[in-house]
Amino acid sequence: MWLCVLLLLVVLSFTGWRIWRSDAVQMRFVYMWPYQNEIVTYARRNNIDPFLVAAVIKNESEFKPGAVSPVGAIGMMQIMPETGEWIAKQMGLEGYSIHSLYNPGINIRMGCWYLSELKYEFKDNMLLMMMSYNAGRGNTHGWMNANGWDYNFNEIKDIPYPESRNYVASVLHDRDEYYRLYKDKVDPETKTGTK
């Protein structure tokens, strides 16, 4: 009797786990991709991997346009107001105000541009790029100097700040999941920088 109950529980658990891990359920509940058109468009314009952008947004705000962090970062890509002003000036955005960061299209456009700048600054090193997006350019350069890292740095475990270490690991994992789930659902022209 107990063996039958135990066997039934194992079968139900395994079945539930298989259903949860199915692509359809993962795409519906874990790796949603709203604003896909805007993400793909601005990623392509800035030569950035759209799957990476989706992973950044998932980790930054869970795709919530009105998100505001405890330190004041705004919108889906969690852009700090000062950074937003700098980006807007560099991009020549007319009529920009801090409230523009709540607009998903503008936030994504600015975030993709900024990721492109970081990609260039950190010589295509995705770990340094993501570290910088999370902890700031100055902190990243400081860690590079203090630890003797060059632009070939590739050890997530060596990132000294736990929050940044976890952030980088999570974004890169999620980027791979977005790629796995959506690679055949995105226009081939948008696969810039993917595997």
N, C-alpha and C. Protein backbone atom coordinates (compact mmCIF):
# COMPACT_ATOMS: atom_id res chain seq x y z
N MET A 1 0.82 -1.21 0.00
CA MET A 1 0.00 0.00 0.00
C MET A 1 0.85 1.25 0.00
N TRP A 2 1.79 1.36 1.00
CA TRP A 2 2.65 2.56 1.05
C TRP A 2 3.55 2.65 -0.16
N LEU A 3 3.96 1.51 -0.66
CA LEU A 3 4.81 1.49 -1.85
C LEU A 3 4.05 2.03 -3.06
N CYS A 4 2.77 1.69 -3.17
CA CYS A 4 1.94 2.19 -4.27
C CYS A 4 1.76 3.70 -4.17
N VAL A 5 1.51 4.18 -2.94
CA VAL A 5 1.35 5.62 -2.73
C VAL A 5 2.64 6.35 -3.07
N LEU A 6 3.75 5.79 -2.62
CA LEU A 6 5.05 6.41 -2.90
C LEU A 6 5.32 6.42 -4.40
N LEU A 7 5.04 5.33 -5.07
CA LEU A 7 5.24 5.24 -6.51
C LEU A 7 4.36 6.26 -7.24
N LEU A 8 3.11 6.38 -6.80
CA LEU A 8 2.19 7.35 -7.40
C LEU A 8 2.72 8.78 -7.22
N LEU A 9 3.21 9.09 -6.02
CA LEU A 9 3.77 10.42 -5.76
C LEU A 9 4.98 10.70 -6.64
N VAL A 10 5.83 9.71 -6.82
CA VAL A 10 7.01 9.88 -7.67
C VAL A 10 6.58 10.13 -9.11
N VAL A 11 5.62 9.36 -9.60
CA VAL A 11 5.13 9.53 -10.98
C VAL A 11 4.50 10.91 -11.16
N LEU A 12 3.66 11.33 -10.19
CA LEU A 12 3.02 12.65 -10.28
C LEU A 12 4.06 13.77 -10.22
N SER A 13 5.04 13.63 -9.35
CA SER A 13 6.09 14.64 -9.25
C SER A 13 6.88 14.74 -10.54
N PHE A 14 7.24 13.59 -11.09
CA PHE A 14 8.00 13.58 -12.34
C PHE A 14 7.18 14.18 -13.48
N THR A 15 5.91 13.81 -13.55
CA THR A 15 5.03 14.34 -14.60
C THR A 15 4.87 15.85 -14.46
N GLY A 16 4.65 16.30 -13.22
CA GLY A 16 4.53 17.73 -12.98
C GLY A 16 5.79 18.49 -13.35
N TRP A 17 6.93 17.91 -13.01
CA TRP A 17 8.21 18.54 -13.36
C TRP A 17 8.37 18.60 -14.87
N ARG A 18 8.02 17.54 -15.58
CA ARG A 18 8.14 17.52 -17.05
C ARG A 18 7.24 18.56 -17.68
N ILE A 19 6.02 18.68 -17.16
CA ILE A 19 5.10 19.70 -17.69
C ILE A 19 5.66 21.09 -17.42
N TRP A 20 6.14 21.33 -16.20
CA TRP A 20 6.69 22.64 -15.85
C TRP A 20 7.88 23.00 -16.74
N ARG A 21 8.72 22.01 -17.05
CA ARG A 21 9.92 22.25 -17.86
C ARG A 21 9.63 22.29 -19.36
N SER A 22 8.40 22.04 -19.76
CA SER A 22 8.09 22.06 -21.19
C SER A 22 8.29 23.47 -21.75
N ASP A 23 8.66 23.54 -23.00
CA ASP A 23 8.90 24.84 -23.63
C ASP A 23 7.67 25.74 -23.56
N ALA A 24 6.50 25.17 -23.81
CA ALA A 24 5.28 25.98 -23.81
C ALA A 24 5.03 26.62 -22.44
N VAL A 25 5.21 25.86 -21.38
CA VAL A 25 4.99 26.40 -20.03
C VAL A 25 6.08 27.40 -19.68
N GLN A 26 7.33 27.09 -20.02
CA GLN A 26 8.43 28.02 -19.74
C GLN A 26 8.23 29.35 -20.46
N MET A 27 7.78 29.30 -21.72
CA MET A 27 7.55 30.53 -22.49
C MET A 27 6.35 31.31 -21.94
N ARG A 28 5.40 30.61 -21.38
CA ARG A 28 4.18 31.27 -20.87
C ARG A 28 4.38 31.88 -19.48
N PHE A 29 5.18 31.21 -18.63
CA PHE A 29 5.27 31.63 -17.23
C PHE A 29 6.66 32.07 -16.75
N VAL A 30 7.72 31.63 -17.41
CA VAL A 30 9.06 31.96 -16.93
C VAL A 30 9.79 32.88 -17.90
N TYR A 31 9.79 32.52 -19.17
CA TYR A 31 10.52 33.30 -20.17
C TYR A 31 9.57 33.97 -21.15
N MET A 32 8.69 34.78 -20.57
CA MET A 32 7.79 35.55 -21.41
C MET A 32 8.64 36.55 -22.19
N TRP A 33 8.08 37.00 -23.32
CA TRP A 33 8.83 37.98 -24.12
C TRP A 33 7.89 39.04 -24.69
N PRO A 34 7.29 39.86 -23.81
CA PRO A 34 6.52 40.99 -24.33
C PRO A 34 7.48 42.01 -24.93
N TYR A 35 6.94 42.89 -25.74
CA TYR A 35 7.74 43.94 -26.41
C TYR A 35 8.83 43.33 -27.29
N GLN A 36 8.58 42.13 -27.78
CA GLN A 36 9.59 41.46 -28.60
C GLN A 36 9.94 42.28 -29.84
N ASN A 37 8.96 42.89 -30.48
CA ASN A 37 9.22 43.65 -31.69
C ASN A 37 10.18 44.81 -31.41
N GLU A 38 9.91 45.56 -30.34
CA GLU A 38 10.77 46.70 -29.99
C GLU A 38 12.18 46.22 -29.62
N ILE A 39 12.25 45.15 -28.86
CA ILE A 39 13.55 44.62 -28.44
C ILE A 39 14.37 44.19 -29.65
N VAL A 40 13.76 43.43 -30.53
CA VAL A 40 14.46 42.94 -31.71
C VAL A 40 14.88 44.11 -32.61
N THR A 41 13.99 45.07 -32.81
CA THR A 41 14.29 46.22 -33.67
C THR A 41 15.47 47.01 -33.14
N TYR A 42 15.44 47.40 -31.86
CA TYR A 42 16.52 48.24 -31.31
C TYR A 42 17.80 47.44 -31.07
N ALA A 43 17.68 46.17 -30.78
CA ALA A 43 18.88 45.34 -30.66
C ALA A 43 19.58 45.26 -32.01
N ARG A 44 18.81 45.03 -33.06
CA ARG A 44 19.39 44.93 -34.40
C ARG A 44 20.05 46.25 -34.78
N ARG A 45 19.40 47.38 -34.52
CA ARG A 45 19.97 48.68 -34.87
C ARG A 45 21.29 48.95 -34.16
N ASN A 46 21.45 48.38 -32.98
CA ASN A 46 22.64 48.64 -32.18
C ASN A 46 23.63 47.47 -32.16
N ASN A 47 23.39 46.48 -33.03
CA ASN A 47 24.26 45.31 -33.13
C ASN A 47 24.41 44.60 -31.78
N ILE A 48 23.27 44.43 -31.12
CA ILE A 48 23.22 43.75 -29.82
C ILE A 48 22.35 42.50 -29.97
N ASP A 49 22.70 41.47 -29.26
CA ASP A 49 21.95 40.22 -29.26
C ASP A 49 20.57 40.45 -28.62
N PRO A 50 19.47 40.26 -29.37
CA PRO A 50 18.14 40.48 -28.80
C PRO A 50 17.81 39.54 -27.65
N PHE A 51 18.38 38.35 -27.66
CA PHE A 51 18.15 37.39 -26.58
C PHE A 51 18.80 37.89 -25.28
N LEU A 52 19.94 38.55 -25.43
CA LEU A 52 20.60 39.15 -24.27
C LEU A 52 19.75 40.30 -23.72
N VAL A 53 19.21 41.12 -24.61
CA VAL A 53 18.36 42.25 -24.16
C VAL A 53 17.16 41.72 -23.40
N ALA A 54 16.52 40.68 -23.93
CA ALA A 54 15.36 40.08 -23.24
C ALA A 54 15.77 39.59 -21.85
N ALA A 55 16.95 38.97 -21.75
CA ALA A 55 17.42 38.46 -20.45
C ALA A 55 17.72 39.61 -19.49
N VAL A 56 18.28 40.69 -19.99
CA VAL A 56 18.55 41.86 -19.14
C VAL A 56 17.24 42.39 -18.59
N ILE A 57 16.24 42.55 -19.45
CA ILE A 57 14.95 43.10 -19.02
C ILE A 57 14.29 42.16 -18.01
N LYS A 58 14.34 40.86 -18.27
CA LYS A 58 13.75 39.90 -17.34
C LYS A 58 14.38 40.07 -15.95
N ASN A 59 15.69 40.19 -15.91
CA ASN A 59 16.39 40.31 -14.62
C ASN A 59 16.24 41.68 -13.98
N GLU A 60 16.13 42.70 -14.79
CA GLU A 60 16.04 44.06 -14.26
C GLU A 60 14.64 44.39 -13.74
N SER A 61 13.60 44.03 -14.52
CA SER A 61 12.26 44.51 -14.17
C SER A 61 11.13 43.52 -14.41
N GLU A 62 11.45 42.33 -14.90
CA GLU A 62 10.40 41.37 -15.27
C GLU A 62 9.42 42.00 -16.27
N PHE A 63 9.93 42.87 -17.15
CA PHE A 63 9.16 43.50 -18.22
C PHE A 63 8.10 44.47 -17.71
N LYS A 64 8.33 45.07 -16.57
CA LYS A 64 7.37 46.04 -16.01
C LYS A 64 7.81 47.46 -16.37
N PRO A 65 7.05 48.15 -17.24
CA PRO A 65 7.44 49.50 -17.67
C PRO A 65 7.53 50.51 -16.51
N GLY A 66 6.73 50.32 -15.48
CA GLY A 66 6.71 51.28 -14.37
C GLY A 66 7.66 50.94 -13.24
N ALA A 67 8.54 49.97 -13.45
CA ALA A 67 9.45 49.54 -12.38
C ALA A 67 10.40 50.67 -11.97
N VAL A 68 10.56 50.81 -10.65
CA VAL A 68 11.54 51.75 -10.09
C VAL A 68 12.29 51.00 -8.99
N SER A 69 13.61 50.99 -9.08
CA SER A 69 14.41 50.26 -8.10
C SER A 69 14.58 51.09 -6.83
N PRO A 70 15.01 50.47 -5.73
CA PRO A 70 15.26 51.21 -4.49
C PRO A 70 16.27 52.35 -4.66
N VAL A 71 17.20 52.20 -5.63
CA VAL A 71 18.19 53.26 -5.84
C VAL A 71 17.76 54.27 -6.90
N GLY A 72 16.56 54.05 -7.49
CA GLY A 72 16.01 55.04 -8.41
C GLY A 72 16.12 54.73 -9.88
N ALA A 73 16.56 53.52 -10.25
CA ALA A 73 16.60 53.14 -11.66
C ALA A 73 15.16 52.97 -12.16
N ILE A 74 14.93 53.37 -13.41
CA ILE A 74 13.55 53.48 -13.92
C ILE A 74 13.33 52.62 -15.16
N GLY A 75 12.13 52.06 -15.23
CA GLY A 75 11.65 51.39 -16.44
C GLY A 75 12.14 49.97 -16.60
N MET A 76 11.82 49.43 -17.76
CA MET A 76 12.09 48.01 -18.00
C MET A 76 13.56 47.67 -17.96
N MET A 77 14.42 48.55 -18.46
CA MET A 77 15.85 48.27 -18.45
C MET A 77 16.56 48.94 -17.28
N GLN A 78 15.77 49.49 -16.36
CA GLN A 78 16.29 50.05 -15.11
C GLN A 78 17.46 51.01 -15.33
N ILE A 79 17.14 52.09 -16.02
CA ILE A 79 18.13 53.12 -16.33
C ILE A 79 18.08 54.19 -15.23
N MET A 80 19.24 54.51 -14.69
CA MET A 80 19.34 55.57 -13.69
C MET A 80 19.06 56.91 -14.36
N PRO A 81 18.39 57.84 -13.66
CA PRO A 81 18.08 59.13 -14.27
C PRO A 81 19.29 59.86 -14.86
N GLU A 82 20.41 59.87 -14.14
CA GLU A 82 21.61 60.56 -14.66
C GLU A 82 22.11 59.87 -15.92
N THR A 83 22.11 58.55 -15.91
CA THR A 83 22.54 57.79 -17.08
C THR A 83 21.59 58.05 -18.24
N GLY A 84 20.29 58.13 -17.94
CA GLY A 84 19.30 58.42 -18.97
C GLY A 84 19.55 59.77 -19.63
N GLU A 85 19.86 60.78 -18.82
CA GLU A 85 20.15 62.11 -19.38
C GLU A 85 21.37 62.05 -20.29
N TRP A 86 22.41 61.34 -19.83
CA TRP A 86 23.63 61.21 -20.63
C TRP A 86 23.35 60.48 -21.94
N ILE A 87 22.60 59.36 -21.86
CA ILE A 87 22.27 58.58 -23.06
C ILE A 87 21.48 59.45 -24.03
N ALA A 88 20.45 60.15 -23.51
CA ALA A 88 19.61 60.99 -24.38
C ALA A 88 20.44 62.04 -25.09
N LYS A 89 21.38 62.64 -24.38
CA LYS A 89 22.25 63.66 -24.98
C LYS A 89 23.12 63.03 -26.06
N GLN A 90 23.71 61.87 -25.76
CA GLN A 90 24.57 61.19 -26.73
C GLN A 90 23.79 60.76 -27.97
N MET A 91 22.54 60.33 -27.76
CA MET A 91 21.71 59.89 -28.88
C MET A 91 21.05 61.04 -29.61
N GLY A 92 21.05 62.24 -29.01
CA GLY A 92 20.37 63.38 -29.62
C GLY A 92 18.85 63.25 -29.57
N LEU A 93 18.33 62.66 -28.48
CA LEU A 93 16.89 62.48 -28.35
C LEU A 93 16.22 63.82 -28.06
N GLU A 94 15.33 64.22 -28.90
CA GLU A 94 14.58 65.47 -28.72
C GLU A 94 13.46 65.25 -27.70
N GLY A 95 13.22 66.22 -26.86
CA GLY A 95 12.09 66.18 -25.93
C GLY A 95 12.23 65.16 -24.81
N TYR A 96 13.44 64.73 -24.54
CA TYR A 96 13.64 63.73 -23.49
C TYR A 96 13.39 64.35 -22.12
N SER A 97 12.73 63.58 -21.25
CA SER A 97 12.62 63.94 -19.84
C SER A 97 12.71 62.64 -19.05
N ILE A 98 12.86 62.75 -17.76
CA ILE A 98 12.97 61.56 -16.91
C ILE A 98 11.74 60.65 -17.07
N HIS A 99 10.59 61.24 -17.37
CA HIS A 99 9.36 60.45 -17.56
C HIS A 99 9.42 59.59 -18.81
N SER A 100 10.31 59.96 -19.74
CA SER A 100 10.48 59.15 -20.95
C SER A 100 10.93 57.73 -20.62
N LEU A 101 11.61 57.56 -19.50
CA LEU A 101 12.12 56.24 -19.13
C LEU A 101 11.00 55.25 -18.80
N TYR A 102 9.81 55.75 -18.54
CA TYR A 102 8.66 54.86 -18.29
C TYR A 102 8.03 54.36 -19.59
N ASN A 103 8.39 54.96 -20.70
CA ASN A 103 7.86 54.54 -22.00
C ASN A 103 8.67 53.33 -22.47
N PRO A 104 8.02 52.17 -22.63
CA PRO A 104 8.77 50.96 -22.98
C PRO A 104 9.63 51.11 -24.24
N GLY A 105 9.08 51.70 -25.28
CA GLY A 105 9.84 51.86 -26.53
C GLY A 105 11.08 52.71 -26.34
N ILE A 106 10.94 53.82 -25.64
CA ILE A 106 12.08 54.71 -25.40
C ILE A 106 13.09 54.04 -24.48
N ASN A 107 12.62 53.39 -23.43
CA ASN A 107 13.50 52.73 -22.48
C ASN A 107 14.31 51.63 -23.18
N ILE A 108 13.65 50.84 -23.98
CA ILE A 108 14.34 49.76 -24.71
C ILE A 108 15.34 50.36 -25.70
N ARG A 109 14.92 51.39 -26.41
CA ARG A 109 15.81 52.04 -27.38
C ARG A 109 17.08 52.56 -26.69
N MET A 110 16.89 53.24 -25.57
CA MET A 110 18.03 53.79 -24.83
C MET A 110 18.89 52.68 -24.22
N GLY A 111 18.24 51.66 -23.67
CA GLY A 111 18.97 50.55 -23.07
C GLY A 111 19.80 49.79 -24.08
N CYS A 112 19.25 49.58 -25.27
CA CYS A 112 20.01 48.89 -26.33
C CYS A 112 21.21 49.73 -26.77
N TRP A 113 20.99 51.04 -26.87
CA TRP A 113 22.10 51.93 -27.24
C TRP A 113 23.20 51.84 -26.18
N TYR A 114 22.80 51.87 -24.91
CA TYR A 114 23.76 51.81 -23.82
C TYR A 114 24.52 50.48 -23.81
N LEU A 115 23.80 49.38 -24.03
CA LEU A 115 24.47 48.07 -24.12
C LEU A 115 25.48 48.06 -25.26
N SER A 116 25.15 48.70 -26.36
CA SER A 116 26.08 48.79 -27.48
C SER A 116 27.34 49.56 -27.09
N GLU A 117 27.17 50.63 -26.32
CA GLU A 117 28.32 51.40 -25.83
C GLU A 117 29.19 50.53 -24.92
N LEU A 118 28.55 49.78 -24.03
CA LEU A 118 29.30 48.91 -23.13
C LEU A 118 30.00 47.79 -23.90
N LYS A 119 29.33 47.28 -24.91
CA LYS A 119 29.93 46.24 -25.75
C LYS A 119 31.22 46.76 -26.38
N TYR A 120 31.17 47.98 -26.89
CA TYR A 120 32.35 48.59 -27.50
C TYR A 120 33.43 48.86 -26.44
N GLU A 121 33.02 49.46 -25.33
CA GLU A 121 33.96 49.83 -24.27
C GLU A 121 34.69 48.61 -23.70
N PHE A 122 33.96 47.50 -23.56
CA PHE A 122 34.55 46.31 -22.96
C PHE A 122 34.91 45.25 -24.00
N LYS A 123 35.10 45.71 -25.23
CA LYS A 123 35.64 44.89 -26.32
C LYS A 123 34.91 43.56 -26.50
N ASP A 124 33.59 43.63 -26.53
CA ASP A 124 32.73 42.46 -26.78
C ASP A 124 32.76 41.41 -25.67
N ASN A 125 33.32 41.73 -24.51
CA ASN A 125 33.35 40.77 -23.41
C ASN A 125 32.02 40.86 -22.66
N MET A 126 31.19 39.82 -22.83
CA MET A 126 29.85 39.85 -22.28
C MET A 126 29.84 39.89 -20.75
N LEU A 127 30.79 39.23 -20.10
CA LEU A 127 30.84 39.25 -18.63
C LEU A 127 31.12 40.66 -18.13
N LEU A 128 32.13 41.32 -18.70
CA LEU A 128 32.46 42.69 -18.29
C LEU A 128 31.32 43.64 -18.62
N MET A 129 30.70 43.43 -19.76
CA MET A 129 29.58 44.25 -20.19
C MET A 129 28.42 44.16 -19.19
N MET A 130 28.06 42.95 -18.81
CA MET A 130 26.96 42.76 -17.87
C MET A 130 27.32 43.22 -16.46
N MET A 131 28.58 43.01 -16.08
CA MET A 131 29.04 43.49 -14.78
C MET A 131 28.89 45.01 -14.74
N SER A 132 29.29 45.66 -15.83
CA SER A 132 29.21 47.11 -15.90
C SER A 132 27.76 47.60 -15.90
N TYR A 133 26.88 46.87 -16.59
CA TYR A 133 25.47 47.26 -16.62
C TYR A 133 24.88 47.21 -15.22
N ASN A 134 25.32 46.24 -14.44
CA ASN A 134 24.80 46.07 -13.09
C ASN A 134 25.48 46.96 -12.05
N ALA A 135 26.80 46.99 -12.06
CA ALA A 135 27.55 47.66 -10.99
C ALA A 135 28.16 48.99 -11.40
N GLY A 136 28.08 49.30 -12.68
CA GLY A 136 28.64 50.56 -13.18
C GLY A 136 29.98 50.37 -13.86
N ARG A 137 30.24 51.27 -14.79
CA ARG A 137 31.48 51.21 -15.56
C ARG A 137 32.70 51.42 -14.65
N GLY A 138 32.61 52.40 -13.76
CA GLY A 138 33.74 52.72 -12.88
C GLY A 138 34.11 51.55 -11.99
N ASN A 139 33.11 50.91 -11.39
CA ASN A 139 33.38 49.73 -10.55
C ASN A 139 34.01 48.61 -11.36
N THR A 140 33.51 48.40 -12.56
CA THR A 140 34.05 47.32 -13.40
C THR A 140 35.50 47.59 -13.76
N HIS A 141 35.81 48.82 -14.18
CA HIS A 141 37.21 49.16 -14.49
C HIS A 141 38.07 49.04 -13.24
N GLY A 142 37.52 49.44 -12.09
CA GLY A 142 38.25 49.31 -10.83
C GLY A 142 38.58 47.87 -10.51
N TRP A 143 37.61 46.96 -10.70
CA TRP A 143 37.84 45.55 -10.46
C TRP A 143 38.86 44.99 -11.44
N MET A 144 38.78 45.46 -12.69
CA MET A 144 39.75 45.00 -13.69
C MET A 144 41.17 45.38 -13.25
N ASN A 145 41.34 46.63 -12.84
CA ASN A 145 42.66 47.09 -12.41
C ASN A 145 43.13 46.38 -11.15
N ALA A 146 42.25 46.26 -10.16
CA ALA A 146 42.62 45.66 -8.87
C ALA A 146 42.98 44.18 -9.00
N ASN A 147 42.33 43.49 -9.96
CA ASN A 147 42.53 42.04 -10.08
C ASN A 147 43.38 41.63 -11.28
N GLY A 148 43.85 42.61 -12.03
CA GLY A 148 44.69 42.30 -13.19
C GLY A 148 43.93 41.63 -14.32
N TRP A 149 42.61 41.90 -14.43
CA TRP A 149 41.83 41.32 -15.53
C TRP A 149 42.08 42.11 -16.80
N ASP A 150 42.08 41.39 -17.91
CA ASP A 150 42.09 42.08 -19.20
C ASP A 150 40.74 41.84 -19.88
N TYR A 151 40.65 42.14 -21.15
CA TYR A 151 39.36 42.02 -21.84
C TYR A 151 39.03 40.57 -22.21
N ASN A 152 39.87 39.64 -21.80
CA ASN A 152 39.57 38.22 -21.99
C ASN A 152 39.01 37.59 -20.72
N PHE A 153 38.74 38.40 -19.71
CA PHE A 153 38.21 37.89 -18.44
C PHE A 153 36.97 37.04 -18.68
N ASN A 154 36.91 35.84 -18.07
CA ASN A 154 35.75 34.97 -18.31
C ASN A 154 35.38 34.09 -17.11
N GLU A 155 35.70 34.54 -15.90
CA GLU A 155 35.41 33.74 -14.71
C GLU A 155 34.36 34.43 -13.83
N ILE A 156 33.11 34.03 -13.99
CA ILE A 156 32.03 34.63 -13.20
C ILE A 156 32.33 34.51 -11.70
N LYS A 157 32.88 33.38 -11.29
CA LYS A 157 33.14 33.15 -9.87
C LYS A 157 34.14 34.14 -9.28
N ASP A 158 34.93 34.81 -10.13
CA ASP A 158 35.92 35.77 -9.65
C ASP A 158 35.37 37.18 -9.47
N ILE A 159 34.12 37.41 -9.86
CA ILE A 159 33.53 38.73 -9.67
C ILE A 159 33.41 38.97 -8.16
N PRO A 160 34.02 40.04 -7.65
CA PRO A 160 34.12 40.20 -6.20
C PRO A 160 32.84 40.56 -5.47
N TYR A 161 31.88 41.14 -6.15
CA TYR A 161 30.66 41.59 -5.49
C TYR A 161 29.56 40.57 -5.74
N PRO A 162 29.03 39.90 -4.69
CA PRO A 162 28.05 38.81 -4.88
C PRO A 162 26.84 39.20 -5.72
N GLU A 163 26.30 40.40 -5.51
CA GLU A 163 25.13 40.80 -6.29
C GLU A 163 25.46 40.82 -7.78
N SER A 164 26.59 41.38 -8.14
CA SER A 164 26.99 41.43 -9.55
C SER A 164 27.29 40.03 -10.08
N ARG A 165 27.94 39.22 -9.28
CA ARG A 165 28.26 37.84 -9.67
C ARG A 165 26.97 37.09 -9.99
N ASN A 166 25.99 37.18 -9.10
CA ASN A 166 24.71 36.49 -9.31
C ASN A 166 23.96 37.08 -10.50
N TYR A 167 24.01 38.40 -10.65
CA TYR A 167 23.33 39.07 -11.77
C TYR A 167 23.90 38.58 -13.10
N VAL A 168 25.21 38.60 -13.23
CA VAL A 168 25.85 38.19 -14.49
C VAL A 168 25.50 36.74 -14.80
N ALA A 169 25.60 35.86 -13.81
CA ALA A 169 25.28 34.45 -14.01
C ALA A 169 23.83 34.27 -14.44
N SER A 170 22.93 35.01 -13.80
CA SER A 170 21.51 34.90 -14.12
C SER A 170 21.20 35.42 -15.52
N VAL A 171 21.75 36.57 -15.88
CA VAL A 171 21.50 37.13 -17.22
C VAL A 171 22.02 36.18 -18.29
N LEU A 172 23.23 35.67 -18.13
CA LEU A 172 23.79 34.79 -19.15
C LEU A 172 23.02 33.48 -19.26
N HIS A 173 22.57 32.94 -18.12
CA HIS A 173 21.74 31.74 -18.15
C HIS A 173 20.42 32.02 -18.87
N ASP A 174 19.78 33.14 -18.51
CA ASP A 174 18.50 33.49 -19.13
C ASP A 174 18.66 33.80 -20.61
N ARG A 175 19.78 34.39 -20.98
CA ARG A 175 20.04 34.66 -22.40
C ARG A 175 20.04 33.34 -23.18
N ASP A 176 20.71 32.34 -22.63
CA ASP A 176 20.75 31.04 -23.29
C ASP A 176 19.36 30.40 -23.38
N GLU A 177 18.54 30.59 -22.34
CA GLU A 177 17.18 30.05 -22.36
C GLU A 177 16.32 30.77 -23.40
N TYR A 178 16.43 32.10 -23.47
CA TYR A 178 15.69 32.83 -24.51
C TYR A 178 16.11 32.36 -25.90
N TYR A 179 17.41 32.18 -26.08
CA TYR A 179 17.89 31.70 -27.37
C TYR A 179 17.30 30.32 -27.69
N ARG A 180 17.36 29.41 -26.73
CA ARG A 180 16.85 28.06 -26.93
C ARG A 180 15.36 28.06 -27.28
N LEU A 181 14.60 28.88 -26.55
CA LEU A 181 13.15 28.88 -26.72
C LEU A 181 12.66 29.66 -27.94
N TYR A 182 13.38 30.72 -28.31
CA TYR A 182 12.86 31.63 -29.33
C TYR A 182 13.69 31.71 -30.60
N LYS A 183 14.80 30.99 -30.69
CA LYS A 183 15.69 31.15 -31.85
C LYS A 183 14.98 30.90 -33.17
N ASP A 184 14.00 30.01 -33.19
CA ASP A 184 13.28 29.72 -34.43
C ASP A 184 12.05 30.59 -34.61
N LYS A 185 11.80 31.49 -33.66
CA LYS A 185 10.61 32.33 -33.71
C LYS A 185 10.97 33.79 -33.99
N VAL A 186 12.27 34.06 -34.13
CA VAL A 186 12.73 35.42 -34.39
C VAL A 186 13.28 35.47 -35.81
N ASP A 187 12.96 36.54 -36.52
CA ASP A 187 13.44 36.74 -37.87
C ASP A 187 14.95 36.52 -37.93
N PRO A 188 15.45 35.69 -38.87
CA PRO A 188 16.88 35.40 -38.93
C PRO A 188 17.77 36.64 -38.99
N GLU A 189 17.28 37.72 -39.54
CA GLU A 189 18.08 38.94 -39.61
C GLU A 189 18.35 39.51 -38.23
N THR A 190 17.57 39.11 -37.25
CA THR A 190 17.73 39.67 -35.91
C THR A 190 18.71 38.89 -35.05
N LYS A 191 19.28 37.84 -35.56
CA LYS A 191 20.12 36.96 -34.74
C LYS A 191 21.55 37.49 -34.60
N THR A 192 21.71 38.79 -34.65
CA THR A 192 23.02 39.42 -34.50
C THR A 192 23.65 39.00 -33.19
N GLY A 193 24.86 38.52 -33.28
CA GLY A 193 25.62 38.21 -32.07
C GLY A 193 25.18 36.94 -31.35
N THR A 194 24.38 36.11 -31.98
CA THR A 194 23.94 34.89 -31.30
C THR A 194 24.85 33.74 -31.66
N LYS A 195 24.62 32.62 -31.03
CA LYS A 195 25.44 31.42 -31.29
C LYS A 195 25.35 31.00 -32.73
